[in-house]
């Protein structure tokens, strides 16, 4: 309940403040703008950056710590709250920015969807199919369809891009959207989920959510990185670590079904 209220408050604040920053390109407004507009944009910017930074630090700790134990739970809660803030701000504000932000908006929605459904899988041991499950399925389908549409538009646009992003960049929308939609559909139709499937659902979605955040920063904002980091493994490792973690943990979950560390 606490997290739902937190999400509603953040979303409402983002929508109200984002309208005032409609002329921005990166949440920066004209110095002559009204005080509430500048204050709102600054708060949103710091929430987005701060949430992402804390999330990218706490996420690996949650992945590497022993599952189900105190450190894992604490790091997981920090990751959830910080990334919930970061993703909600990004997804809510993107449509109001002056420059094209369609890919960033869809990426924010996808990352937020993965985060919320992963958290629900971790905290819900007794299955109860409801409106949230159908809404999740709809979001996954729309993300996959958006990726396919962007790929088509980019391939047929004179610039070869959609808002500056090439068609290849949208493969992840299609791939993750389809996989997630099929998993959601299977869950709804079967109306039951095994413990192994529940843990797998939690792990791959949380890691994929972290992958999107890390990729957006280390690859999408590499101009902010020091010169000695760009083009090195220090730039690549934080991005691909979550993908490696997905493979490792899915194998461990299915092979070590009775391992207490995975329960």
C-alpha atoms as a PDB file:
ATOM      1  CA  UNK A   1       0.000   0.000   0.000  1.00  0.00           C
ATOM      2  CA  UNK A   2       2.820   2.403   0.861  1.00  0.00           C
ATOM      3  CA  UNK A   3       4.491   1.882  -2.519  1.00  0.00           C
ATOM      4  CA  UNK A   4       1.200   2.377  -4.385  1.00  0.00           C
ATOM      5  CA  UNK A   5       0.604   5.701  -2.640  1.00  0.00           C
ATOM      6  CA  UNK A   6       4.189   6.726  -3.325  1.00  0.00           C
ATOM      7  CA  UNK A   7       3.813   5.902  -7.023  1.00  0.00           C
ATOM      8  CA  UNK A   8       0.554   7.869  -7.307  1.00  0.00           C
ATOM      9  CA  UNK A   9       2.057  10.946  -5.613  1.00  0.00           C
ATOM     10  CA  UNK A  10       5.168  10.882  -7.805  1.00  0.00           C
ATOM     11  CA  UNK A  11       3.146  10.388 -10.986  1.00  0.00           C
ATOM     12  CA  UNK A  12       0.757  13.230 -10.172  1.00  0.00           C
ATOM     13  CA  UNK A  13       3.622  15.562  -9.320  1.00  0.00           C
ATOM     14  CA  UNK A  14       5.447  14.671 -12.531  1.00  0.00           C
ATOM     15  CA  UNK A  15       2.417  15.330 -14.694  1.00  0.00           C
ATOM     16  CA  UNK A  16       1.656  18.671 -13.080  1.00  0.00           C
ATOM     17  CA  UNK A  17       5.238  19.912 -13.083  1.00  0.00           C
ATOM     18  CA  UNK A  18       6.004  18.423 -16.475  1.00  0.00           C
ATOM     19  CA  UNK A  19       3.359  20.593 -18.107  1.00  0.00           C
ATOM     20  CA  UNK A  20       5.287  23.622 -16.948  1.00  0.00           C
ATOM     21  CA  UNK A  21       8.488  22.290 -18.475  1.00  0.00           C
ATOM     22  CA  UNK A  22       6.942  21.617 -21.861  1.00  0.00           C
ATOM     23  CA  UNK A  23       9.461  23.822 -23.642  1.00  0.00           C
ATOM     24  CA  UNK A  24      12.413  21.941 -22.193  1.00  0.00           C
ATOM     25  CA  UNK A  25      14.643  19.483 -23.985  1.00  0.00           C
ATOM     26  CA  UNK A  26      16.427  17.984 -20.975  1.00  0.00           C
ATOM     27  CA  UNK A  27      14.304  19.306 -18.089  1.00  0.00           C
ATOM     28  CA  UNK A  28      15.997  22.701 -18.384  1.00  0.00           C
ATOM     29  CA  UNK A  29      13.765  25.759 -18.623  1.00  0.00           C
ATOM     30  CA  UNK A  30      14.213  29.389 -19.548  1.00  0.00           C
ATOM     31  CA  UNK A  31      15.753  31.440 -16.699  1.00  0.00           C
ATOM     32  CA  UNK A  32      12.880  33.912 -17.118  1.00  0.00           C
ATOM     33  CA  UNK A  33      10.245  31.217 -16.552  1.00  0.00           C
ATOM     34  CA  UNK A  34       8.009  31.362 -13.499  1.00  0.00           C
ATOM     35  CA  UNK A  35       9.575  30.277 -10.228  1.00  0.00           C
ATOM     36  CA  UNK A  36       7.276  27.270  -9.868  1.00  0.00           C
ATOM     37  CA  UNK A  37       8.223  26.113 -13.362  1.00  0.00           C
ATOM     38  CA  UNK A  38      11.962  26.325 -12.666  1.00  0.00           C
ATOM     39  CA  UNK A  39      11.550  24.747  -9.236  1.00  0.00           C
ATOM     40  CA  UNK A  40       9.413  21.928 -10.643  1.00  0.00           C
ATOM     41  CA  UNK A  41      11.888  21.209 -13.441  1.00  0.00           C
ATOM     42  CA  UNK A  42      14.826  21.194 -11.015  1.00  0.00           C
ATOM     43  CA  UNK A  43      13.061  18.828  -8.625  1.00  0.00           C
ATOM     44  CA  UNK A  44      12.130  16.464 -11.438  1.00  0.00           C
ATOM     45  CA  UNK A  45      15.668  16.520 -12.802  1.00  0.00           C
ATOM     46  CA  UNK A  46      17.231  15.720  -9.441  1.00  0.00           C
ATOM     47  CA  UNK A  47      14.646  13.027  -8.719  1.00  0.00           C
ATOM     48  CA  UNK A  48      15.356  11.414 -12.078  1.00  0.00           C
ATOM     49  CA  UNK A  49      19.135  11.575 -11.792  1.00  0.00           C
ATOM     50  CA  UNK A  50      19.249  10.753  -8.084  1.00  0.00           C
ATOM     51  CA  UNK A  51      16.845   7.851  -8.407  1.00  0.00           C
ATOM     52  CA  UNK A  52      18.780   6.405 -11.330  1.00  0.00           C
ATOM     53  CA  UNK A  53      22.138   6.752  -9.586  1.00  0.00           C
ATOM     54  CA  UNK A  54      20.933   5.095  -6.380  1.00  0.00           C
ATOM     55  CA  UNK A  55      19.192   2.386  -8.375  1.00  0.00           C
ATOM     56  CA  UNK A  56      22.261   1.534 -10.443  1.00  0.00           C
ATOM     57  CA  UNK A  57      24.274   1.179  -7.232  1.00  0.00           C
ATOM     58  CA  UNK A  58      21.725  -0.819  -5.229  1.00  0.00           C
ATOM     59  CA  UNK A  59      20.682  -3.068  -8.134  1.00  0.00           C
ATOM     60  CA  UNK A  60      23.994  -4.949  -8.428  1.00  0.00           C
ATOM     61  CA  UNK A  61      24.076  -5.367  -4.643  1.00  0.00           C
ATOM     62  CA  UNK A  62      20.644  -7.004  -4.747  1.00  0.00           C
ATOM     63  CA  UNK A  63      21.736  -9.246  -7.624  1.00  0.00           C
ATOM     64  CA  UNK A  64      24.978 -10.371  -5.982  1.00  0.00           C
ATOM     65  CA  UNK A  65      23.646 -10.814  -2.438  1.00  0.00           C
ATOM     66  CA  UNK A  66      22.137 -14.024  -1.123  1.00  0.00           C
ATOM     67  CA  UNK A  67      18.531 -14.217  -2.233  1.00  0.00           C
ATOM     68  CA  UNK A  68      15.921 -13.822   0.454  1.00  0.00           C
ATOM     69  CA  UNK A  69      18.341 -12.573   3.101  1.00  0.00           C
ATOM     70  CA  UNK A  70      18.499  -9.188   4.806  1.00  0.00           C
ATOM     71  CA  UNK A  71      20.994  -7.504   2.469  1.00  0.00           C
ATOM     72  CA  UNK A  72      19.118  -8.691  -0.607  1.00  0.00           C
ATOM     73  CA  UNK A  73      15.784  -7.468   0.731  1.00  0.00           C
ATOM     74  CA  UNK A  74      17.189  -4.096   1.821  1.00  0.00           C
ATOM     75  CA  UNK A  75      19.012  -3.493  -1.470  1.00  0.00           C
ATOM     76  CA  UNK A  76      15.942  -4.644  -3.387  1.00  0.00           C
ATOM     77  CA  UNK A  77      13.694  -2.161  -1.591  1.00  0.00           C
ATOM     78  CA  UNK A  78      16.138   0.682  -2.216  1.00  0.00           C
ATOM     79  CA  UNK A  79      16.392  -0.322  -5.881  1.00  0.00           C
ATOM     80  CA  UNK A  80      12.622  -0.479  -6.241  1.00  0.00           C
ATOM     81  CA  UNK A  81      11.889   2.924  -4.700  1.00  0.00           C
ATOM     82  CA  UNK A  82      14.766   4.722  -6.436  1.00  0.00           C
ATOM     83  CA  UNK A  83      14.053   3.247  -9.862  1.00  0.00           C
ATOM     84  CA  UNK A  84      10.319   3.775  -9.426  1.00  0.00           C
ATOM     85  CA  UNK A  85      11.094   7.457  -8.977  1.00  0.00           C
ATOM     86  CA  UNK A  86      13.550   7.586 -11.883  1.00  0.00           C
ATOM     87  CA  UNK A  87      11.349   5.713 -14.370  1.00  0.00           C
ATOM     88  CA  UNK A  88       8.137   7.504 -13.435  1.00  0.00           C
ATOM     89  CA  UNK A  89       9.721  10.922 -13.838  1.00  0.00           C
ATOM     90  CA  UNK A  90      11.288   9.943 -17.164  1.00  0.00           C
ATOM     91  CA  UNK A  91       8.136   8.393 -18.620  1.00  0.00           C
ATOM     92  CA  UNK A  92       5.824  11.149 -17.356  1.00  0.00           C
ATOM     93  CA  UNK A  93       7.938  14.093 -18.522  1.00  0.00           C
ATOM     94  CA  UNK A  94       9.170  12.744 -21.893  1.00  0.00           C
ATOM     95  CA  UNK A  95       5.914  13.494 -23.810  1.00  0.00           C
ATOM     96  CA  UNK A  96       6.101  17.157 -22.750  1.00  0.00           C
ATOM     97  CA  UNK A  97       9.648  17.860 -23.927  1.00  0.00           C
ATOM     98  CA  UNK A  98      10.181  19.948 -27.040  1.00  0.00           C
ATOM     99  CA  UNK A  99      12.412  17.470 -28.874  1.00  0.00           C
ATOM    100  CA  UNK A 100      11.138  14.066 -30.000  1.00  0.00           C
ATOM    101  CA  UNK A 101      11.149  11.697 -27.060  1.00  0.00           C
ATOM    102  CA  UNK A 102       8.983   8.808 -28.284  1.00  0.00           C
ATOM    103  CA  UNK A 103      11.666   6.118 -27.830  1.00  0.00           C
ATOM    104  CA  UNK A 104      12.558   7.457 -24.376  1.00  0.00           C
ATOM    105  CA  UNK A 105       8.902   7.454 -23.373  1.00  0.00           C
ATOM    106  CA  UNK A 106       8.423   3.826 -24.438  1.00  0.00           C
ATOM    107  CA  UNK A 107      11.703   2.836 -22.773  1.00  0.00           C
ATOM    108  CA  UNK A 108      10.542   4.471 -19.542  1.00  0.00           C
ATOM    109  CA  UNK A 109       7.177   2.696 -19.693  1.00  0.00           C
ATOM    110  CA  UNK A 110       8.877  -0.649 -20.398  1.00  0.00           C
ATOM    111  CA  UNK A 111      11.361  -0.243 -17.556  1.00  0.00           C
ATOM    112  CA  UNK A 112       8.587   0.823 -15.175  1.00  0.00           C
ATOM    113  CA  UNK A 113       6.407  -2.126 -16.222  1.00  0.00           C
ATOM    114  CA  UNK A 114       9.268  -4.588 -15.676  1.00  0.00           C
ATOM    115  CA  UNK A 115      10.050  -3.062 -12.287  1.00  0.00           C
ATOM    116  CA  UNK A 116       6.461  -3.194 -11.020  1.00  0.00           C
ATOM    117  CA  UNK A 117       5.696  -6.700 -12.288  1.00  0.00           C
ATOM    118  CA  UNK A 118       8.992  -7.986 -10.923  1.00  0.00           C
ATOM    119  CA  UNK A 119       8.274  -6.505  -7.508  1.00  0.00           C
ATOM    120  CA  UNK A 120       4.784  -7.990  -7.550  1.00  0.00           C
ATOM    121  CA  UNK A 121       6.183 -11.407  -8.412  1.00  0.00           C
ATOM    122  CA  UNK A 122       8.598 -11.184  -5.482  1.00  0.00           C
ATOM    123  CA  UNK A 123       5.970 -10.140  -2.940  1.00  0.00           C
ATOM    124  CA  UNK A 124       2.979 -12.159  -4.163  1.00  0.00           C
ATOM    125  CA  UNK A 125       3.223 -15.829  -3.226  1.00  0.00           C
ATOM    126  CA  UNK A 126      -0.488 -16.562  -3.611  1.00  0.00           C
ATOM    127  CA  UNK A 127      -1.781 -15.988  -7.140  1.00  0.00           C
ATOM    128  CA  UNK A 128      -4.798 -13.739  -7.550  1.00  0.00           C
ATOM    129  CA  UNK A 129      -5.401 -12.673 -11.139  1.00  0.00           C
ATOM    130  CA  UNK A 130      -6.870  -9.195 -11.301  1.00  0.00           C
ATOM    131  CA  UNK A 131      -6.983  -5.948 -13.294  1.00  0.00           C
ATOM    132  CA  UNK A 132      -3.250  -5.312 -12.781  1.00  0.00           C
ATOM    133  CA  UNK A 133      -2.382  -8.523 -14.624  1.00  0.00           C
ATOM    134  CA  UNK A 134      -4.534  -7.597 -17.609  1.00  0.00           C
ATOM    135  CA  UNK A 135      -3.117  -4.073 -17.581  1.00  0.00           C
ATOM    136  CA  UNK A 136       0.403  -5.507 -17.541  1.00  0.00           C
ATOM    137  CA  UNK A 137      -0.393  -7.709 -20.540  1.00  0.00           C
ATOM    138  CA  UNK A 138      -1.740  -4.678 -22.415  1.00  0.00           C
ATOM    139  CA  UNK A 139       1.405  -2.659 -21.645  1.00  0.00           C
ATOM    140  CA  UNK A 140       3.678  -5.473 -22.833  1.00  0.00           C
ATOM    141  CA  UNK A 141       1.738  -5.828 -26.095  1.00  0.00           C
ATOM    142  CA  UNK A 142       1.809  -2.061 -26.702  1.00  0.00           C
ATOM    143  CA  UNK A 143       5.560  -1.882 -26.028  1.00  0.00           C
ATOM    144  CA  UNK A 144       6.229  -4.684 -28.506  1.00  0.00           C
ATOM    145  CA  UNK A 145       3.953  -3.086 -31.100  1.00  0.00           C
ATOM    146  CA  UNK A 146       5.617   0.307 -30.565  1.00  0.00           C
ATOM    147  CA  UNK A 147       9.028  -1.229 -31.165  1.00  0.00           C
ATOM    148  CA  UNK A 148       7.875  -2.798 -34.434  1.00  0.00           C
ATOM    149  CA  UNK A 149       6.296   0.504 -35.520  1.00  0.00           C
ATOM    150  CA  UNK A 150       9.457   2.458 -34.696  1.00  0.00           C
ATOM    151  CA  UNK A 151      11.585  -0.004 -36.665  1.00  0.00           C
ATOM    152  CA  UNK A 152       9.328   0.441 -39.682  1.00  0.00           C
ATOM    153  CA  UNK A 153       9.229   4.226 -39.368  1.00  0.00           C
ATOM    154  CA  UNK A 154      12.985   4.495 -38.917  1.00  0.00           C
ATOM    155  CA  UNK A 155      13.703   2.316 -41.936  1.00  0.00           C
ATOM    156  CA  UNK A 156      11.419   4.461 -44.104  1.00  0.00           C
ATOM    157  CA  UNK A 157      12.340   7.895 -42.745  1.00  0.00           C
ATOM    158  CA  UNK A 158      14.821  10.072 -44.706  1.00  0.00           C
ATOM    159  CA  UNK A 159      17.029  10.342 -41.622  1.00  0.00           C
ATOM    160  CA  UNK A 160      16.960   6.589 -41.039  1.00  0.00           C
ATOM    161  CA  UNK A 161      15.962   7.207 -37.426  1.00  0.00           C
ATOM    162  CA  UNK A 162      13.027   7.848 -35.126  1.00  0.00           C
ATOM    163  CA  UNK A 163      13.781  10.902 -33.003  1.00  0.00           C
ATOM    164  CA  UNK A 164      17.487  10.261 -33.501  1.00  0.00           C
ATOM    165  CA  UNK A 165      17.450   6.533 -32.729  1.00  0.00           C
ATOM    166  CA  UNK A 166      18.167   3.956 -35.479  1.00  0.00           C
ATOM    167  CA  UNK A 167      15.749   1.062 -36.170  1.00  0.00           C
ATOM    168  CA  UNK A 168      18.091  -1.478 -34.552  1.00  0.00           C
ATOM    169  CA  UNK A 169      17.688   0.277 -31.217  1.00  0.00           C
ATOM    170  CA  UNK A 170      14.056  -0.816 -31.039  1.00  0.00           C
ATOM    171  CA  UNK A 171      14.699  -4.543 -31.248  1.00  0.00           C
ATOM    172  CA  UNK A 172      14.731  -4.655 -27.451  1.00  0.00           C
ATOM    173  CA  UNK A 173      11.187  -3.228 -27.352  1.00  0.00           C
ATOM    174  CA  UNK A 174       9.937  -5.985 -29.632  1.00  0.00           C
ATOM    175  CA  UNK A 175      11.898  -8.802 -27.998  1.00  0.00           C
ATOM    176  CA  UNK A 176      11.178  -7.937 -24.365  1.00  0.00           C
ATOM    177  CA  UNK A 177       7.600  -6.888 -25.109  1.00  0.00           C
ATOM    178  CA  UNK A 178       6.773 -10.174 -26.829  1.00  0.00           C
ATOM    179  CA  UNK A 179       8.467 -12.352 -24.182  1.00  0.00           C
ATOM    180  CA  UNK A 180       6.777 -10.469 -21.346  1.00  0.00           C
ATOM    181  CA  UNK A 181       3.381 -10.531 -23.074  1.00  0.00           C
ATOM    182  CA  UNK A 182       3.561 -14.291 -23.651  1.00  0.00           C
ATOM    183  CA  UNK A 183       4.534 -14.830 -20.028  1.00  0.00           C
ATOM    184  CA  UNK A 184       1.686 -12.615 -18.810  1.00  0.00           C
ATOM    185  CA  UNK A 185      -0.800 -14.363 -21.098  1.00  0.00           C
ATOM    186  CA  UNK A 186       0.336 -17.778 -19.883  1.00  0.00           C
ATOM    187  CA  UNK A 187      -0.086 -16.632 -16.286  1.00  0.00           C
ATOM    188  CA  UNK A 188      -3.599 -15.307 -16.912  1.00  0.00           C
ATOM    189  CA  UNK A 189      -4.766 -18.385 -18.811  1.00  0.00           C
ATOM    190  CA  UNK A 190      -3.276 -20.880 -16.391  1.00  0.00           C
ATOM    191  CA  UNK A 191      -4.245 -18.847 -13.318  1.00  0.00           C
ATOM    192  CA  UNK A 192      -1.442 -20.456 -11.364  1.00  0.00           C
ATOM    193  CA  UNK A 193       2.309 -20.155 -11.101  1.00  0.00           C
ATOM    194  CA  UNK A 194       4.956 -22.453  -9.688  1.00  0.00           C
ATOM    195  CA  UNK A 195       7.518 -21.233  -7.201  1.00  0.00           C
ATOM    196  CA  UNK A 196      10.288 -21.650  -9.765  1.00  0.00           C
ATOM    197  CA  UNK A 197       8.355 -19.665 -12.372  1.00  0.00           C
ATOM    198  CA  UNK A 198       7.592 -16.946  -9.831  1.00  0.00           C
ATOM    199  CA  UNK A 199      11.251 -16.544  -8.890  1.00  0.00           C
ATOM    200  CA  UNK A 200      12.316 -16.602 -12.542  1.00  0.00           C
ATOM    201  CA  UNK A 201       9.732 -13.941 -13.377  1.00  0.00           C
ATOM    202  CA  UNK A 202      11.035 -11.740 -10.573  1.00  0.00           C
ATOM    203  CA  UNK A 203      14.710 -12.169 -11.450  1.00  0.00           C
ATOM    204  CA  UNK A 204      14.682 -11.657 -15.211  1.00  0.00           C
ATOM    205  CA  UNK A 205      12.333  -8.694 -15.090  1.00  0.00           C
ATOM    206  CA  UNK A 206      14.260  -6.905 -12.350  1.00  0.00           C
ATOM    207  CA  UNK A 207      17.575  -7.494 -14.131  1.00  0.00           C
ATOM    208  CA  UNK A 208      16.158  -6.377 -17.480  1.00  0.00           C
ATOM    209  CA  UNK A 209      14.851  -3.230 -15.843  1.00  0.00           C
ATOM    210  CA  UNK A 210      18.351  -2.512 -14.522  1.00  0.00           C
ATOM    211  CA  UNK A 211      19.800  -3.218 -17.989  1.00  0.00           C
ATOM    212  CA  UNK A 212      17.566  -0.559 -19.538  1.00  0.00           C
ATOM    213  CA  UNK A 213      18.599   2.000 -16.932  1.00  0.00           C
ATOM    214  CA  UNK A 214      22.310   1.205 -17.206  1.00  0.00           C
ATOM    215  CA  UNK A 215      22.228   1.221 -21.000  1.00  0.00           C
ATOM    216  CA  UNK A 216      20.378   4.538 -21.057  1.00  0.00           C
ATOM    217  CA  UNK A 217      23.074   6.148 -18.939  1.00  0.00           C
ATOM    218  CA  UNK A 218      26.363   4.500 -19.950  1.00  0.00           C
ATOM    219  CA  UNK A 219      25.531   4.353 -23.669  1.00  0.00           C
ATOM    220  CA  UNK A 220      22.844   7.010 -24.055  1.00  0.00           C
ATOM    221  CA  UNK A 221      24.598   9.670 -21.949  1.00  0.00           C
ATOM    222  CA  UNK A 222      28.222   8.726 -22.495  1.00  0.00           C
ATOM    223  CA  UNK A 223      29.160  12.399 -22.944  1.00  0.00           C
ATOM    224  CA  UNK A 224      28.819  12.671 -19.171  1.00  0.00           C
ATOM    225  CA  UNK A 225      31.428   9.968 -18.569  1.00  0.00           C
ATOM    226  CA  UNK A 226      35.129  10.775 -18.046  1.00  0.00           C
ATOM    227  CA  UNK A 227      37.362  10.254 -21.081  1.00  0.00           C
ATOM    228  CA  UNK A 228      39.188   7.379 -19.375  1.00  0.00           C
ATOM    229  CA  UNK A 229      35.896   5.464 -19.055  1.00  0.00           C
ATOM    230  CA  UNK A 230      34.541   5.849 -22.584  1.00  0.00           C
ATOM    231  CA  UNK A 231      35.217   2.965 -24.926  1.00  0.00           C
ATOM    232  CA  UNK A 232      36.541   0.726 -22.148  1.00  0.00           C
ATOM    233  CA  UNK A 233      35.180  -2.213 -20.183  1.00  0.00           C
ATOM    234  CA  UNK A 234      34.306   0.227 -17.398  1.00  0.00           C
ATOM    235  CA  UNK A 235      31.592   1.537 -19.693  1.00  0.00           C
ATOM    236  CA  UNK A 236      30.440  -1.883 -20.943  1.00  0.00           C
ATOM    237  CA  UNK A 237      30.419  -3.958 -17.744  1.00  0.00           C
ATOM    238  CA  UNK A 238      27.678  -2.027 -15.878  1.00  0.00           C
ATOM    239  CA  UNK A 239      25.431  -2.341 -18.941  1.00  0.00           C
ATOM    240  CA  UNK A 240      25.853  -6.029 -19.710  1.00  0.00           C
ATOM    241  CA  UNK A 241      26.191  -7.238 -16.123  1.00  0.00           C
ATOM    242  CA  UNK A 242      22.389  -7.495 -15.657  1.00  0.00           C
ATOM    243  CA  UNK A 243      22.077  -9.621 -18.813  1.00  0.00           C
ATOM    244  CA  UNK A 244      24.760 -12.015 -17.596  1.00  0.00           C
ATOM    245  CA  UNK A 245      23.029 -12.105 -14.222  1.00  0.00           C
ATOM    246  CA  UNK A 246      19.740 -13.106 -15.881  1.00  0.00           C
ATOM    247  CA  UNK A 247      21.323 -16.177 -17.466  1.00  0.00           C
ATOM    248  CA  UNK A 248      23.211 -17.202 -14.337  1.00  0.00           C
ATOM    249  CA  UNK A 249      20.298 -16.793 -11.954  1.00  0.00           C
ATOM    250  CA  UNK A 250      17.748 -18.473 -14.207  1.00  0.00           C
ATOM    251  CA  UNK A 251      20.057 -21.482 -14.440  1.00  0.00           C
ATOM    252  CA  UNK A 252      20.631 -21.495 -10.676  1.00  0.00           C
ATOM    253  CA  UNK A 253      16.925 -21.198  -9.945  1.00  0.00           C
ATOM    254  CA  UNK A 254      16.014 -24.149 -12.137  1.00  0.00           C
ATOM    255  CA  UNK A 255      18.958 -26.356 -11.258  1.00  0.00           C
ATOM    256  CA  UNK A 256      19.023 -25.664  -7.520  1.00  0.00           C
ATOM    257  CA  UNK A 257      15.309 -25.851  -6.759  1.00  0.00           C
ATOM    258  CA  UNK A 258      15.871 -26.745  -3.142  1.00  0.00           C
ATOM    259  CA  UNK A 259      18.668 -24.277  -2.461  1.00  0.00           C
ATOM    260  CA  UNK A 260      17.571 -22.011   0.417  1.00  0.00           C
ATOM    261  CA  UNK A 261      19.535 -19.130  -1.118  1.00  0.00           C
ATOM    262  CA  UNK A 262      17.054 -19.017  -3.953  1.00  0.00           C
ATOM    263  CA  UNK A 263      13.902 -19.237  -1.923  1.00  0.00           C
END
